[in-house]
Protein backbone atom coordinates (compact mmCIF):
# COMPACT_ATOMS: atom_id res chain seq x y z
CA UNK A 1 40.58 38.28 6.90
CA UNK A 2 41.01 41.79 7.11
CA UNK A 3 43.92 43.11 8.76
CA UNK A 4 44.12 45.49 11.96
CA UNK A 5 45.67 48.55 11.60
CA UNK A 6 47.24 50.17 15.22
CA UNK A 7 47.15 54.04 14.89
CA UNK A 8 47.59 56.60 18.23
CA UNK A 9 44.99 58.96 17.89
CA UNK A 10 45.61 62.37 20.10
CA UNK A 11 42.35 64.60 21.72
CA UNK A 12 42.56 67.03 23.75
CA UNK A 13 46.27 65.74 24.96
CA UNK A 14 45.77 61.92 25.12
CA UNK A 15 47.07 59.38 23.12
CA UNK A 16 44.45 57.18 22.19
CA UNK A 17 45.94 53.72 20.45
CA UNK A 18 43.06 51.80 18.85
CA UNK A 19 43.02 49.13 16.65
CA UNK A 20 41.45 49.10 13.96
CA UNK A 21 40.41 48.36 10.11
CA UNK A 22 41.76 50.15 7.54
CA UNK A 23 38.30 51.39 5.99
CA UNK A 24 37.68 53.27 9.43
CA UNK A 25 41.31 55.34 9.30
CA UNK A 26 40.37 58.07 7.44
CA UNK A 27 37.15 58.51 9.68
CA UNK A 28 38.12 57.71 12.34
CA UNK A 29 42.20 60.47 11.79
CA UNK A 30 38.97 63.44 10.52
CA UNK A 31 36.50 62.99 13.19
CA UNK A 32 40.19 62.98 16.23
CA UNK A 33 40.62 66.67 13.52
CA UNK A 34 37.36 67.95 14.54
CA UNK A 35 37.18 67.48 17.83
CA UNK A 36 39.91 68.80 18.13
CA UNK A 37 39.37 71.64 16.07
CA UNK A 38 35.84 72.42 18.24
CA UNK A 39 37.68 71.87 21.67
CA UNK A 40 40.13 75.02 20.71
CA UNK A 41 37.70 76.86 19.49
CA UNK A 42 35.03 76.64 22.80
CA UNK A 43 38.44 76.84 24.55
CA UNK A 44 38.83 80.95 22.94
CA UNK A 45 35.54 81.45 22.83
CA UNK A 46 34.85 80.49 26.93
CA UNK A 47 36.46 80.62 30.37
CA UNK A 48 36.74 76.46 30.55
CA UNK A 49 39.03 75.57 33.08
CA UNK A 50 38.97 72.32 32.79
CA UNK A 51 39.35 69.83 29.35
CA UNK A 52 36.25 67.23 30.02
CA UNK A 53 33.67 70.36 30.15
CA UNK A 54 35.24 71.29 26.90
CA UNK A 55 34.92 67.62 25.81
CA UNK A 56 31.66 67.22 27.73
CA UNK A 57 30.29 70.73 25.30
CA UNK A 58 31.81 68.33 22.39
CA UNK A 59 30.00 65.40 22.47
CA UNK A 60 26.74 67.42 22.83
CA UNK A 61 27.82 69.73 19.84
CA UNK A 62 28.26 66.20 17.72
CA UNK A 63 24.93 64.27 18.87
CA UNK A 64 23.18 67.67 18.53
CA UNK A 65 23.39 67.43 15.11
CA UNK A 66 23.81 63.90 14.46
CA UNK A 67 20.38 63.89 16.36
CA UNK A 68 18.27 67.11 14.25
CA UNK A 69 19.69 65.30 11.06
CA UNK A 70 17.88 62.12 12.04
CA UNK A 71 14.98 64.03 12.48
CA UNK A 72 14.93 66.08 8.87
CA UNK A 73 15.62 62.45 7.10
CA UNK A 74 12.31 61.49 9.26
CA UNK A 75 10.42 64.40 8.07
CA UNK A 76 12.03 63.56 4.24
CA UNK A 77 10.94 59.97 4.84
CA UNK A 78 7.85 60.82 6.18
CA UNK A 79 7.39 62.82 3.09
CA UNK A 80 8.91 60.78 0.07
CA UNK A 81 6.08 58.03 1.97
CA UNK A 82 2.85 59.95 1.66
CA UNK A 83 4.42 60.64 -2.13
CA UNK A 84 4.28 57.24 -3.10
CA UNK A 85 0.96 56.70 -1.72
CA UNK A 86 -0.80 59.19 -3.42
CA UNK A 87 1.14 57.96 -6.85
CA UNK A 88 0.03 54.49 -6.24
CA UNK A 89 -3.37 55.37 -5.91
CA UNK A 90 -3.10 57.51 -8.95
CA UNK A 91 -2.00 54.36 -10.96
CA UNK A 92 -4.64 52.02 -9.37
CA UNK A 93 -7.11 54.70 -10.37
CA UNK A 94 -6.21 55.48 -13.98
CA UNK A 95 -6.05 51.04 -13.89
CA UNK A 96 -9.29 50.77 -12.80
């Protein structure tokens, strides 16, 4: 059974205690660091008074990147499937 770690992450001036698996720690710490950097960037670029607004902008940015990556991956998968189908037809024609 895996041991759990208790860590604390600070995001937008709040501390979040988490109980995680050891293999999750690096990713979570990097994510918190990336969020903090994005918060700082938004606060410097825009006149934002409320942390909630900055966090919403961060969430939108991260979600958009994830969705764009997924959409690009779907296109690549469809293209690969077409190429594989073409290769299969070529092999079948050579075997006949």
